[in-house]
Amino acid sequence: MKIAFFSVEKGKQAPFVGAFPESEIVFIEETLNEDTARKGSDADIACLFVDSSVSKSVIDAMPNLKFIATRSTGYNHIDVEYAKSKGIPVANVPAYGSYTVAEFSFGLLLNLSRKIIEASNYVKNSMDFHYNNSMEGFDLQGKTLGVVGTGRIGKNMVKIAKGFGMKIIACDLYPDLDFAKEYGFEYKTLDQVLEESDIVSLHTPYSIDNHHILARENISRMKRGAYVVNTARGELIDTEALVWGLKEGIIAGAGLDVLEEEKSLKKGEATKICDLNRELMKMPNVIITPHSAFFTVEAVDEISKVTVENIKSFLAGKPENLV
């Protein structure tokens, strides 16, 4: 079989080279989309990342396709239902970087609470080693953290927050009451979490059912001066509502590793959402990072290992981690 690996830079190809001795392997550094599908048009297996867009037309442009392996937990960048209708199974990496992303989320929170980036930039740009009033932050100890989604990453966020002496509340469709008892926090409704939290951190997978889980209606009910952290999916937040909440002072600041329509943003497109994202980038109380919360040596290594096993299991006729 022929395996096409999309969006794998030369320095990240080693784990896949030699892993499939009986298959032909091709590396395509671009993402998989309508423009690049022709480069892997004869591939039996497509391996890709979240920056790809595997639509119906992309799947149709690869007539030999028998299996899709995404090097990610999320799979909303793939038309899974259409793939299944064509008899093409899709596998993901169900768990990786649960500590990695939680640590990054808390890093965003620490930068928001203590203005570390702002202070560092001031010293570097001015060569002046004096603090000023703009660098005044706030303690996390005693503040209420609202965790939306208590899967592996959300649970690790809870564990870190406990170490900082924070009060924790959470919401989840499937609350883990044993974990809540162990770590001394309470599950509440989303509205209650938004109304009571000093910081809201999103850790829920994206689906059509939770599209814009933060919208103008419930942002208006948030505790005034609260902060928002999102390292899950950009589509969980209504960008227009977020900009409004920031301008109204309802939201005091935000730490965002993901953005709505981030693929369009990367292409330099000028959609309404992309323009709002660029407005967010200019706000001094907003920290934006380029979907890099997962990006550590350890997490990338784990992604590669699970992906290799996913492809091997499919080749052996026993596919694993199907979505």
Protein backbone atom coordinates (compact mmCIF):
# COMPACT_ATOMS: atom_id res chain seq x y z
CA MET A 1 0.00 0.00 0.00
CA LYS A 2 1.00 3.61 -0.49
CA ILE A 3 0.96 5.89 2.55
CA ALA A 4 0.93 9.66 2.09
CA PHE A 5 2.05 11.70 5.11
CA PHE A 6 0.86 15.29 4.85
CA SER A 7 2.28 18.31 6.74
CA VAL A 8 5.28 16.47 8.15
CA GLU A 9 8.43 18.58 8.03
CA LYS A 10 11.73 16.88 7.20
CA GLY A 11 12.89 17.09 10.80
CA LYS A 12 9.79 15.23 12.01
CA GLN A 13 9.77 12.37 9.47
CA ALA A 14 12.16 9.98 11.25
CA PRO A 15 9.52 8.09 13.33
CA PHE A 16 7.71 7.09 10.13
CA VAL A 17 10.69 6.20 7.94
CA GLY A 18 11.18 2.44 8.04
CA ALA A 19 8.08 1.84 10.16
CA PHE A 20 6.22 0.25 7.23
CA PRO A 21 8.76 -1.81 5.26
CA GLU A 22 6.17 -3.41 3.02
CA SER A 23 4.52 -0.12 2.04
CA GLU A 24 5.51 2.80 -0.16
CA ILE A 25 5.82 6.04 1.79
CA VAL A 26 5.65 9.59 0.46
CA PHE A 27 6.03 12.76 2.51
CA ILE A 28 4.14 15.86 1.43
CA GLU A 29 5.06 18.88 3.53
CA GLU A 30 1.88 20.77 2.65
CA THR A 31 -1.43 20.20 4.42
CA LEU A 32 -4.04 18.02 2.78
CA ASN A 33 -6.75 20.09 1.13
CA GLU A 34 -8.45 20.52 -2.22
CA ASP A 35 -5.31 22.00 -3.75
CA THR A 36 -2.87 19.32 -2.54
CA ALA A 37 -5.02 16.18 -2.72
CA ARG A 38 -3.67 15.50 -6.22
CA LYS A 39 -0.20 14.99 -4.74
CA GLY A 40 -1.50 11.96 -2.88
CA SER A 41 -4.22 10.99 -5.33
CA ASP A 42 -2.96 7.40 -5.61
CA ALA A 43 -2.42 6.88 -1.86
CA ASP A 44 -4.20 4.10 0.00
CA ILE A 45 -3.65 5.72 3.39
CA ALA A 46 -3.59 9.43 4.23
CA CYS A 47 -1.93 10.58 7.44
CA LEU A 48 -2.50 14.21 8.38
CA PHE A 49 -2.79 16.81 11.12
CA VAL A 50 -5.49 19.26 12.26
CA ASP A 51 -4.31 21.89 9.79
CA SER A 52 -5.66 19.76 6.93
CA SER A 53 -9.21 20.00 5.59
CA VAL A 54 -10.49 16.61 4.48
CA SER A 55 -13.79 17.43 2.82
CA LYS A 56 -15.97 15.33 0.53
CA SER A 57 -14.16 16.71 -2.51
CA VAL A 58 -10.75 15.86 -1.03
CA ILE A 59 -11.85 12.29 -0.32
CA ASP A 60 -13.25 11.98 -3.85
CA ALA A 61 -9.95 13.25 -5.26
CA MET A 62 -8.16 10.27 -3.66
CA PRO A 63 -9.99 7.30 -5.24
CA ASN A 64 -7.65 4.65 -3.74
CA LEU A 65 -8.13 5.91 -0.19
CA LYS A 66 -8.82 3.14 2.31
CA PHE A 67 -7.83 4.67 5.66
CA ILE A 68 -7.35 8.09 7.22
CA ALA A 69 -5.08 8.57 10.25
CA THR A 70 -5.08 11.96 11.91
CA ARG A 71 -2.24 12.86 14.22
CA SER A 72 -4.60 14.58 16.62
CA THR A 73 -7.35 13.93 19.12
CA GLY A 74 -9.84 16.20 17.40
CA TYR A 75 -11.21 15.16 14.01
CA ASN A 76 -13.63 17.91 13.04
CA HIS A 77 -11.26 18.75 10.15
CA ILE A 78 -12.38 15.49 8.50
CA ASP A 79 -15.77 14.72 6.98
CA VAL A 80 -15.94 11.51 8.99
CA GLU A 81 -19.50 10.63 7.97
CA TYR A 82 -18.72 10.88 4.28
CA ALA A 83 -15.54 8.85 4.76
CA LYS A 84 -17.54 6.13 6.53
CA SER A 85 -20.12 6.14 3.74
CA LYS A 86 -17.25 5.34 1.38
CA GLY A 87 -16.02 2.56 3.65
CA ILE A 88 -12.98 4.56 4.77
CA PRO A 89 -12.31 4.27 8.53
CA VAL A 90 -10.78 7.21 10.39
CA ALA A 91 -8.45 6.85 13.39
CA ASN A 92 -7.21 9.48 15.80
CA VAL A 93 -4.79 9.77 18.70
CA PRO A 94 -7.30 9.61 21.56
CA ALA A 95 -4.96 10.68 24.34
CA TYR A 96 -1.70 12.57 24.18
CA GLY A 97 -0.23 15.58 25.83
CA SER A 98 -2.83 15.69 28.60
CA TYR A 99 -0.23 17.18 30.92
CA THR A 100 1.33 19.14 28.06
CA VAL A 101 -1.81 21.09 27.16
CA ALA A 102 -2.85 21.58 30.78
CA GLU A 103 0.59 23.02 31.60
CA PHE A 104 0.32 25.38 28.64
CA SER A 105 -3.18 26.43 29.66
CA PHE A 106 -1.92 27.28 33.11
CA GLY A 107 1.01 29.10 31.54
CA LEU A 108 -1.44 31.33 29.70
CA LEU A 109 -3.26 31.92 32.97
CA LEU A 110 -0.05 32.83 34.78
CA ASN A 111 0.87 35.26 32.03
CA LEU A 112 -2.54 36.87 32.27
CA SER A 113 -2.47 37.09 36.06
CA ARG A 114 1.12 38.34 36.38
CA LYS A 115 1.65 40.10 33.02
CA ILE A 116 4.94 38.27 32.50
CA ILE A 117 5.09 38.82 28.73
CA GLU A 118 4.33 42.52 29.12
CA ALA A 119 6.98 42.97 31.81
CA SER A 120 9.60 41.06 29.82
CA ASN A 121 8.89 43.01 26.64
CA TYR A 122 9.12 46.30 28.56
CA VAL A 123 12.57 45.47 29.93
CA LYS A 124 13.87 44.24 26.57
CA ASN A 125 12.49 47.18 24.60
CA SER A 126 13.39 49.92 27.08
CA MET A 127 16.50 48.42 28.75
CA ASP A 128 14.96 49.87 31.91
CA PHE A 129 14.94 47.54 34.92
CA HIS A 130 12.12 49.26 36.82
CA TYR A 131 8.60 47.91 37.22
CA ASN A 132 5.62 50.18 36.70
CA ASN A 133 1.92 50.15 37.55
CA SER A 134 0.97 48.49 34.25
CA MET A 135 2.69 45.31 35.46
CA GLU A 136 0.54 44.90 38.56
CA GLY A 137 -1.14 41.50 38.52
CA PHE A 138 -3.28 39.44 40.86
CA ASP A 139 -2.89 36.29 42.96
CA LEU A 140 -4.39 33.01 41.82
CA GLN A 141 -4.60 31.72 45.37
CA GLY A 142 -8.23 31.87 46.47
CA LYS A 143 -9.60 32.64 43.01
CA THR A 144 -12.29 30.46 41.45
CA LEU A 145 -11.32 28.49 38.35
CA GLY A 146 -14.15 27.17 36.21
CA VAL A 147 -13.08 24.15 34.18
CA VAL A 148 -15.34 23.39 31.23
CA GLY A 149 -14.72 19.76 30.32
CA THR A 150 -13.03 17.37 32.74
CA GLY A 151 -11.44 14.87 30.43
CA ARG A 152 -7.74 14.08 30.78
CA ILE A 153 -6.60 17.65 30.09
CA GLY A 154 -9.31 19.24 32.24
CA LYS A 155 -8.47 16.91 35.12
CA ASN A 156 -4.80 17.88 34.94
CA MET A 157 -5.82 21.54 34.93
CA VAL A 158 -7.71 20.84 38.16
CA LYS A 159 -4.66 19.18 39.71
CA ILE A 160 -2.39 22.12 38.85
CA ALA A 161 -4.92 24.65 40.13
CA LYS A 162 -5.22 22.82 43.44
CA GLY A 163 -1.48 23.29 43.89
CA PHE A 164 -2.01 27.04 43.58
CA GLY A 165 -4.71 27.07 46.24
CA MET A 166 -7.51 27.88 43.84
CA LYS A 167 -11.18 27.08 44.35
CA ILE A 168 -12.44 24.90 41.51
CA ILE A 169 -15.85 24.37 39.96
CA ALA A 170 -16.48 22.46 36.75
CA CYS A 171 -19.07 21.36 34.24
CA ASP A 172 -19.15 18.27 32.07
CA LEU A 173 -21.79 16.21 30.29
CA TYR A 174 -20.42 13.19 32.11
CA PRO A 175 -19.22 14.38 35.52
CA ASP A 176 -16.62 12.25 37.28
CA LEU A 177 -17.96 12.45 40.82
CA ASP A 178 -15.20 10.29 42.28
CA PHE A 179 -12.55 12.62 40.87
CA ALA A 180 -14.49 15.63 42.14
CA LYS A 181 -14.60 14.15 45.63
CA GLU A 182 -10.89 13.32 45.53
CA TYR A 183 -9.90 16.87 44.52
CA GLY A 184 -12.56 18.71 46.47
CA PHE A 185 -14.53 20.50 43.79
CA GLU A 186 -18.14 20.66 42.67
CA TYR A 187 -19.80 20.13 39.32
CA LYS A 188 -22.26 22.82 38.29
CA THR A 189 -24.13 23.92 35.18
CA LEU A 190 -22.29 25.89 32.51
CA ASP A 191 -24.25 29.03 33.43
CA GLN A 192 -23.29 28.63 37.10
CA VAL A 193 -19.63 28.13 36.17
CA LEU A 194 -19.65 31.30 34.06
CA GLU A 195 -21.42 33.32 36.72
CA GLU A 196 -19.15 32.25 39.60
CA SER A 197 -15.67 31.87 38.07
CA ASP A 198 -12.83 34.37 38.12
CA ILE A 199 -11.20 32.39 35.32
CA VAL A 200 -12.93 30.08 32.83
CA SER A 201 -10.76 27.49 31.08
CA LEU A 202 -12.14 25.47 28.16
CA HIS A 203 -11.11 21.82 27.78
CA THR A 204 -14.03 20.21 26.01
CA PRO A 205 -13.79 18.57 22.57
CA TYR A 206 -15.54 20.46 19.79
CA SER A 207 -18.77 19.18 18.26
CA ILE A 208 -21.67 20.78 16.47
CA ASP A 209 -23.60 20.56 19.76
CA ASN A 210 -21.20 22.87 21.61
CA HIS A 211 -20.51 25.29 18.78
CA HIS A 212 -20.17 28.74 20.38
CA ILE A 213 -20.53 27.36 23.89
CA LEU A 214 -19.44 30.87 24.88
CA ALA A 215 -21.74 33.33 23.14
CA ARG A 216 -22.97 36.84 23.84
CA GLU A 217 -25.95 35.63 25.84
CA ASN A 218 -23.91 33.78 28.46
CA ILE A 219 -20.84 36.02 28.29
CA SER A 220 -23.17 38.79 29.46
CA ARG A 221 -23.81 36.74 32.60
CA MET A 222 -20.16 36.13 33.45
CA LYS A 223 -18.65 37.55 36.59
CA ARG A 224 -17.44 41.01 35.58
CA GLY A 225 -13.66 41.09 35.24
CA ALA A 226 -13.31 37.35 34.62
CA TYR A 227 -10.65 35.85 32.35
CA VAL A 228 -11.02 33.23 29.61
CA VAL A 229 -8.47 30.59 28.58
CA ASN A 230 -9.03 28.42 25.52
CA THR A 231 -6.64 25.70 24.38
CA ALA A 232 -9.38 23.39 23.04
CA ARG A 233 -11.00 24.60 19.79
CA GLY A 234 -11.61 28.11 18.52
CA GLU A 235 -15.17 27.32 17.49
CA LEU A 236 -16.16 26.91 21.12
CA ILE A 237 -16.21 30.72 21.40
CA ASP A 238 -18.23 33.19 19.35
CA THR A 239 -15.39 35.52 18.34
CA GLU A 240 -17.64 38.53 17.83
CA ALA A 241 -19.11 38.00 21.31
CA LEU A 242 -15.64 37.65 22.83
CA VAL A 243 -14.49 40.94 21.30
CA TRP A 244 -17.68 42.56 22.61
CA GLY A 245 -17.14 41.11 26.09
CA LEU A 246 -13.57 42.40 26.19
CA LYS A 247 -14.56 45.88 25.04
CA GLU A 248 -17.40 46.00 27.58
CA GLY A 249 -15.03 45.00 30.39
CA ILE A 250 -17.06 41.90 31.22
CA ILE A 251 -14.00 39.86 30.27
CA ALA A 252 -10.79 41.35 31.65
CA GLY A 253 -8.48 39.33 29.45
CA ALA A 254 -8.09 36.17 27.42
CA GLY A 255 -5.42 33.57 26.70
CA LEU A 256 -6.11 31.87 23.38
CA ASP A 257 -4.13 29.11 21.72
CA VAL A 258 -6.94 28.42 19.25
CA LEU A 259 -9.08 30.74 17.16
CA GLU A 260 -12.26 30.44 15.18
CA GLU A 261 -11.47 30.15 11.44
CA GLU A 262 -7.76 29.82 12.19
CA LYS A 263 -7.13 28.01 8.88
CA SER A 264 -8.54 30.98 6.97
CA LEU A 265 -6.45 33.28 9.15
CA LYS A 266 -3.29 31.41 8.22
CA LYS A 267 -4.13 31.93 4.54
CA GLY A 268 -4.45 35.67 5.11
CA GLU A 269 -8.12 35.75 4.22
CA ALA A 270 -10.27 38.75 5.11
CA THR A 271 -13.43 37.19 6.49
CA LYS A 272 -15.39 38.88 9.25
CA ILE A 273 -14.07 36.38 11.81
CA CYS A 274 -10.48 36.72 10.58
CA ASP A 275 -10.70 40.49 10.90
CA LEU A 276 -12.02 40.09 14.45
CA ASN A 277 -9.13 37.73 15.21
CA ARG A 278 -6.70 40.38 14.02
CA GLU A 279 -8.46 42.84 16.31
CA LEU A 280 -7.93 40.42 19.21
CA MET A 281 -4.22 40.23 18.35
CA LYS A 282 -3.91 43.98 18.90
CA MET A 283 -5.57 43.97 22.33
CA PRO A 284 -3.02 44.33 25.15
CA ASN A 285 -5.08 42.16 27.51
CA VAL A 286 -5.21 39.22 25.09
CA ILE A 287 -2.47 36.62 24.67
CA ILE A 288 -2.62 34.63 21.44
CA THR A 289 -0.39 31.68 20.56
CA PRO A 290 -0.47 29.72 17.25
CA HIS A 291 -2.20 26.47 18.30
CA SER A 292 1.04 25.31 19.92
CA ALA A 293 -0.17 24.03 23.30
CA PHE A 294 0.54 20.45 22.22
CA PHE A 295 4.02 21.21 20.91
CA THR A 296 6.60 19.56 23.16
CA VAL A 297 9.20 16.91 22.43
CA GLU A 298 7.35 14.40 24.57
CA ALA A 299 3.89 15.02 23.11
CA VAL A 300 5.07 14.96 19.49
CA ASP A 301 6.88 11.68 20.18
CA GLU A 302 3.72 10.17 21.67
CA ILE A 303 1.63 11.34 18.70
CA SER A 304 4.07 9.69 16.29
CA LYS A 305 4.10 6.41 18.22
CA VAL A 306 0.31 6.12 18.39
CA THR A 307 -0.07 7.11 14.75
CA VAL A 308 2.38 4.41 13.66
CA GLU A 309 0.45 1.85 15.69
CA ASN A 310 -2.85 3.04 14.22
CA ILE A 311 -1.57 2.51 10.70
CA LYS A 312 0.04 -0.83 11.55
CA SER A 313 -3.17 -2.09 13.13
CA PHE A 314 -5.12 -1.14 10.00
CA LEU A 315 -2.59 -2.90 7.78
CA ALA A 316 -2.98 -5.97 10.00
CA GLY A 317 -6.75 -5.87 9.53
CA LYS A 318 -7.44 -4.88 13.13
CA PRO A 319 -7.84 -1.08 13.12
CA GLU A 320 -7.68 0.68 16.47
CA ASN A 321 -8.71 4.11 17.79
CA LEU A 322 -11.45 4.53 15.22
CA VAL A 323 -13.68 7.59 15.61
